[in-house]
Amino acid sequence: MNVMFTPESGSVARTIERQLRKEIVSLVLLPGVKLSEQDIAARFGVSRQPVREALIALAKAELVAILPQRGTIVVKISGERMMQARFIREQLEVGVVRRACEIAISEQDSQSLQDIIDAQSAAFERGSAAALKESDELFHLELARVARLEMASTALIDIKSHLERVCHLTTVDIACMEPLIQQHQAILDAIRQRDADAAEAAMRFHLTEILRVLPNVMALRSELFDGYPLTF
């Protein structure tokens, strides 16, 4: 895929990083794939310097490893790192929904969240896993916005990447994604009632969905994983 750079797209290195991150998370670039600075530079029509910066950023996020004499390689999915990422995300997301209950979000914001859930349902009915996943991500971004905690979403960018590769494996069977819609509705209903405890419980249950499917995913695609987590 060729990417056109414009002044609005920001830093060239950041744009390349985002595109490569997207491909790593969606498993277009599988664990073990070697990334060539020269090839990436040619693909994006840039010098090697912004490519190098992008790869360094991905290495800091622990999505690639820069190995002496071997180059840059997409790392396997670390089960233990994924579990830590899930734990950190849960703490932030729970704080977001409790804040949303405390400030009493507006009817307009409530409807915005409902529209996203409705879009998820429509995507499920169409059998569009990609659209359903996009709506799922948008729901969490919108939650942070209505709770006036947008920085929470920014803080989760690197952390969520370790979860999203596993989530991508679960979207092969769209039926596995149906519970997410019901879980989002439960979260929104609790926020509308300003029931912080119920909202927290609903969010915690939602974010443990991955734990319920992880054993089967790891068993089926063990070649993508670097060890099992210590606990489920």
Protein backbone atom coordinates (compact mmCIF):
# COMPACT_ATOMS: atom_id res chain seq x y z
CA MET A 1 0.00 0.00 0.00
CA ASN A 2 1.38 3.40 -0.97
CA VAL A 3 0.78 6.32 1.39
CA MET A 4 0.64 9.91 0.21
CA PHE A 5 2.22 12.42 2.56
CA THR A 6 0.63 15.81 3.09
CA PRO A 7 1.35 18.62 5.54
CA GLU A 8 -1.72 17.51 7.48
CA SER A 9 -0.41 13.96 7.93
CA GLY A 10 2.21 15.17 10.37
CA SER A 11 5.64 13.70 10.75
CA VAL A 12 6.71 11.35 7.99
CA ALA A 13 8.25 9.01 10.55
CA ARG A 14 5.04 9.01 12.59
CA THR A 15 2.95 8.25 9.50
CA ILE A 16 5.18 5.32 8.59
CA GLU A 17 5.07 4.09 12.18
CA ARG A 18 1.27 4.19 12.21
CA GLN A 19 1.01 2.26 8.95
CA LEU A 20 3.50 -0.41 10.01
CA ARG A 21 1.83 -0.68 13.42
CA LYS A 22 -1.52 -1.21 11.69
CA GLU A 23 -0.04 -3.98 9.55
CA ILE A 24 1.63 -5.66 12.54
CA VAL A 25 -1.55 -5.52 14.64
CA SER A 26 -3.70 -6.86 11.80
CA LEU A 27 -1.12 -9.61 11.16
CA VAL A 28 -0.45 -8.46 7.61
CA LEU A 29 3.13 -8.47 8.90
CA LEU A 30 3.43 -11.75 10.78
CA PRO A 31 5.79 -12.48 13.67
CA GLY A 32 9.22 -13.36 12.33
CA VAL A 33 8.99 -11.17 9.25
CA LYS A 34 12.14 -9.14 8.64
CA LEU A 35 11.63 -5.43 7.92
CA SER A 36 14.11 -3.81 5.57
CA GLU A 37 14.77 -0.09 5.97
CA GLN A 38 15.64 0.15 2.31
CA ASP A 39 12.51 -1.64 1.11
CA ILE A 40 10.24 0.42 3.40
CA ALA A 41 11.89 3.65 2.29
CA ALA A 42 11.31 2.70 -1.36
CA ARG A 43 7.72 1.76 -0.64
CA PHE A 44 6.92 5.10 0.99
CA GLY A 45 9.15 7.15 -1.31
CA VAL A 46 11.25 8.61 1.51
CA SER A 47 14.81 8.51 2.79
CA ARG A 48 15.87 5.84 5.29
CA GLN A 49 16.04 8.27 8.22
CA PRO A 50 12.27 8.54 8.91
CA VAL A 51 11.99 4.78 8.42
CA ARG A 52 14.68 4.25 11.03
CA GLU A 53 12.83 6.56 13.43
CA ALA A 54 9.58 4.68 12.84
CA LEU A 55 11.23 1.32 13.55
CA ILE A 56 12.82 2.66 16.73
CA ALA A 57 9.37 3.78 17.93
CA LEU A 58 7.93 0.34 17.16
CA ALA A 59 10.83 -1.26 19.02
CA LYS A 60 10.06 0.89 22.07
CA ALA A 61 6.48 -0.39 21.84
CA GLU A 62 7.96 -3.92 21.74
CA LEU A 63 6.30 -4.78 18.46
CA VAL A 64 9.59 -5.25 16.62
CA ALA A 65 13.11 -6.15 17.71
CA ILE A 66 16.17 -4.45 16.23
CA LEU A 67 18.86 -7.13 16.31
CA PRO A 68 22.57 -6.49 15.65
CA GLN A 69 23.71 -8.05 12.37
CA ARG A 70 20.19 -9.38 11.75
CA GLY A 71 18.08 -6.29 11.17
CA THR A 72 14.55 -5.58 12.38
CA ILE A 73 12.11 -8.43 12.98
CA VAL A 74 8.43 -8.44 13.94
CA VAL A 75 8.27 -10.08 17.35
CA LYS A 76 5.96 -12.89 18.34
CA ILE A 77 2.93 -12.17 20.49
CA SER A 78 4.02 -12.35 24.11
CA GLY A 79 1.28 -13.96 26.18
CA GLU A 80 2.65 -12.47 29.39
CA ARG A 81 3.03 -8.99 27.89
CA MET A 82 -0.50 -9.21 26.55
CA MET A 83 -1.80 -10.07 30.02
CA GLN A 84 0.00 -7.10 31.54
CA ALA A 85 -1.42 -4.85 28.81
CA ARG A 86 -4.92 -6.11 29.53
CA PHE A 87 -4.49 -5.38 33.24
CA ILE A 88 -3.26 -1.81 32.62
CA ARG A 89 -6.01 -1.15 30.11
CA GLU A 90 -8.64 -2.36 32.55
CA GLN A 91 -7.50 0.08 35.23
CA LEU A 92 -7.73 3.05 32.84
CA GLU A 93 -11.00 2.03 31.20
CA VAL A 94 -12.67 1.44 34.57
CA GLY A 95 -11.61 4.93 35.60
CA VAL A 96 -13.10 6.32 32.40
CA VAL A 97 -16.56 4.81 32.93
CA ARG A 98 -16.64 5.83 36.59
CA ARG A 99 -15.78 9.39 35.55
CA ALA A 100 -18.53 9.30 32.91
CA CYS A 101 -21.02 8.37 35.64
CA GLU A 102 -19.77 11.09 37.98
CA ILE A 103 -20.04 13.95 35.50
CA ALA A 104 -23.42 12.89 34.09
CA ILE A 105 -22.82 12.88 30.35
CA SER A 106 -25.16 14.84 28.12
CA GLU A 107 -28.04 13.31 26.19
CA GLN A 108 -26.16 14.12 22.99
CA ASP A 109 -23.10 12.20 24.19
CA SER A 110 -25.29 9.33 25.34
CA GLN A 111 -26.89 9.17 21.89
CA SER A 112 -23.46 9.29 20.25
CA LEU A 113 -22.47 6.16 22.15
CA GLN A 114 -25.79 4.50 21.33
CA ASP A 115 -25.29 5.26 17.64
CA ILE A 116 -21.96 3.42 17.74
CA ILE A 117 -23.56 0.39 19.39
CA ASP A 118 -26.32 0.44 16.76
CA ALA A 119 -23.65 0.59 14.06
CA GLN A 120 -22.03 -2.45 15.63
CA SER A 121 -25.31 -4.35 15.50
CA ALA A 122 -25.76 -3.40 11.86
CA ALA A 123 -22.22 -4.53 11.07
CA PHE A 124 -22.91 -7.85 12.77
CA GLU A 125 -26.09 -8.33 10.76
CA ARG A 126 -24.12 -7.64 7.55
CA GLY A 127 -21.43 -10.07 8.61
CA SER A 128 -18.78 -7.37 8.44
CA ALA A 129 -16.13 -8.23 11.02
CA ALA A 130 -13.97 -5.28 9.93
CA ALA A 131 -16.77 -2.74 10.46
CA LEU A 132 -17.73 -4.33 13.77
CA LYS A 133 -14.15 -4.14 15.02
CA GLU A 134 -13.87 -0.52 13.88
CA SER A 135 -17.04 0.35 15.80
CA ASP A 136 -15.71 -1.46 18.85
CA GLU A 137 -12.58 0.71 18.85
CA LEU A 138 -14.64 3.84 18.24
CA PHE A 139 -16.87 3.07 21.23
CA HIS A 140 -13.90 3.15 23.60
CA LEU A 141 -12.51 6.32 22.04
CA GLU A 142 -15.90 8.00 22.39
CA LEU A 143 -16.19 6.86 26.01
CA ALA A 144 -12.94 8.64 26.82
CA ARG A 145 -14.11 11.76 24.99
CA VAL A 146 -17.47 12.01 26.78
CA ALA A 147 -15.72 11.40 30.11
CA ARG A 148 -13.31 14.23 29.23
CA LEU A 149 -10.37 11.86 29.54
CA GLU A 150 -9.06 11.79 25.96
CA MET A 151 -5.50 11.38 27.23
CA ALA A 152 -6.46 7.91 28.43
CA SER A 153 -6.84 6.84 24.80
CA THR A 154 -3.44 8.27 23.93
CA ALA A 155 -1.82 6.49 26.87
CA LEU A 156 -3.26 3.17 25.68
CA ILE A 157 -1.94 3.26 22.10
CA ASP A 158 1.17 1.15 22.69
CA ILE A 159 -0.47 -0.99 25.35
CA LYS A 160 -3.47 -1.91 23.20
CA SER A 161 -1.24 -3.04 20.34
CA HIS A 162 -0.30 -6.14 22.33
CA LEU A 163 -3.98 -6.97 22.74
CA GLU A 164 -5.11 -6.11 19.24
CA ARG A 165 -3.08 -8.81 17.52
CA VAL A 166 -4.91 -11.40 19.62
CA CYS A 167 -8.23 -9.60 19.05
CA HIS A 168 -7.61 -9.77 15.31
CA LEU A 169 -7.35 -13.55 15.54
CA THR A 170 -10.76 -13.71 17.22
CA THR A 171 -12.51 -11.73 14.45
CA VAL A 172 -12.14 -14.59 11.99
CA ASP A 173 -15.38 -15.98 13.44
CA ILE A 174 -17.75 -13.02 13.65
CA ALA A 175 -20.03 -14.96 16.00
CA CYS A 176 -17.35 -14.53 18.67
CA MET A 177 -17.86 -10.77 18.47
CA GLU A 178 -21.61 -10.74 19.18
CA PRO A 179 -21.17 -10.64 22.99
CA LEU A 180 -19.17 -7.40 22.64
CA ILE A 181 -22.29 -5.57 21.45
CA GLN A 182 -24.31 -6.66 24.47
CA GLN A 183 -21.41 -5.75 26.77
CA HIS A 184 -21.15 -2.26 25.30
CA GLN A 185 -24.88 -1.79 25.82
CA ALA A 186 -24.57 -2.83 29.46
CA ILE A 187 -21.79 -0.29 29.97
CA LEU A 188 -23.83 2.51 28.40
CA ASP A 189 -26.99 1.59 30.34
CA ALA A 190 -25.07 1.82 33.62
CA ILE A 191 -23.58 5.19 32.65
CA ARG A 192 -27.05 6.51 31.79
CA GLN A 193 -28.22 5.46 35.25
CA ARG A 194 -25.10 7.03 36.80
CA ASP A 195 -24.41 3.71 38.49
CA ALA A 196 -20.61 3.77 38.74
CA ASP A 197 -20.35 0.34 40.38
CA ALA A 198 -22.47 -1.29 37.66
CA ALA A 199 -20.51 0.53 34.95
CA GLU A 200 -17.24 -0.67 36.44
CA ALA A 201 -18.49 -4.24 36.69
CA ALA A 202 -19.72 -4.16 33.09
CA MET A 203 -16.41 -2.78 31.85
CA ARG A 204 -14.37 -5.33 33.79
CA PHE A 205 -16.50 -8.17 32.37
CA HIS A 206 -16.11 -6.71 28.87
CA LEU A 207 -12.34 -6.52 29.10
CA THR A 208 -12.05 -10.11 30.32
CA GLU A 209 -13.73 -11.39 27.14
CA ILE A 210 -10.30 -11.93 25.66
CA LEU A 211 -9.41 -14.26 28.53
CA ARG A 212 -12.34 -16.49 27.65
CA VAL A 213 -11.15 -17.01 24.07
CA LEU A 214 -7.39 -16.84 24.59
CA PRO A 215 -6.69 -20.53 25.36
CA ASN A 216 -8.33 -21.68 22.11
CA VAL A 217 -6.64 -18.95 20.06
CA MET A 218 -3.22 -19.80 21.45
CA ALA A 219 -3.77 -23.50 20.85
CA LEU A 220 -4.83 -22.95 17.23
CA ARG A 221 -2.11 -20.42 16.34
CA SER A 222 0.71 -21.35 18.70
CA GLU A 223 3.34 -20.42 16.10
CA LEU A 224 2.44 -16.73 16.55
CA PHE A 225 3.00 -16.72 20.31
CA ASP A 226 6.12 -16.46 22.43
CA GLY A 227 5.16 -18.53 25.43
CA TYR A 228 1.96 -18.74 27.45
CA PRO A 229 0.99 -16.21 30.11
CA LEU A 230 1.64 -17.26 33.67
CA THR A 231 -2.06 -17.00 34.50
CA PHE A 232 -5.35 -16.59 32.64
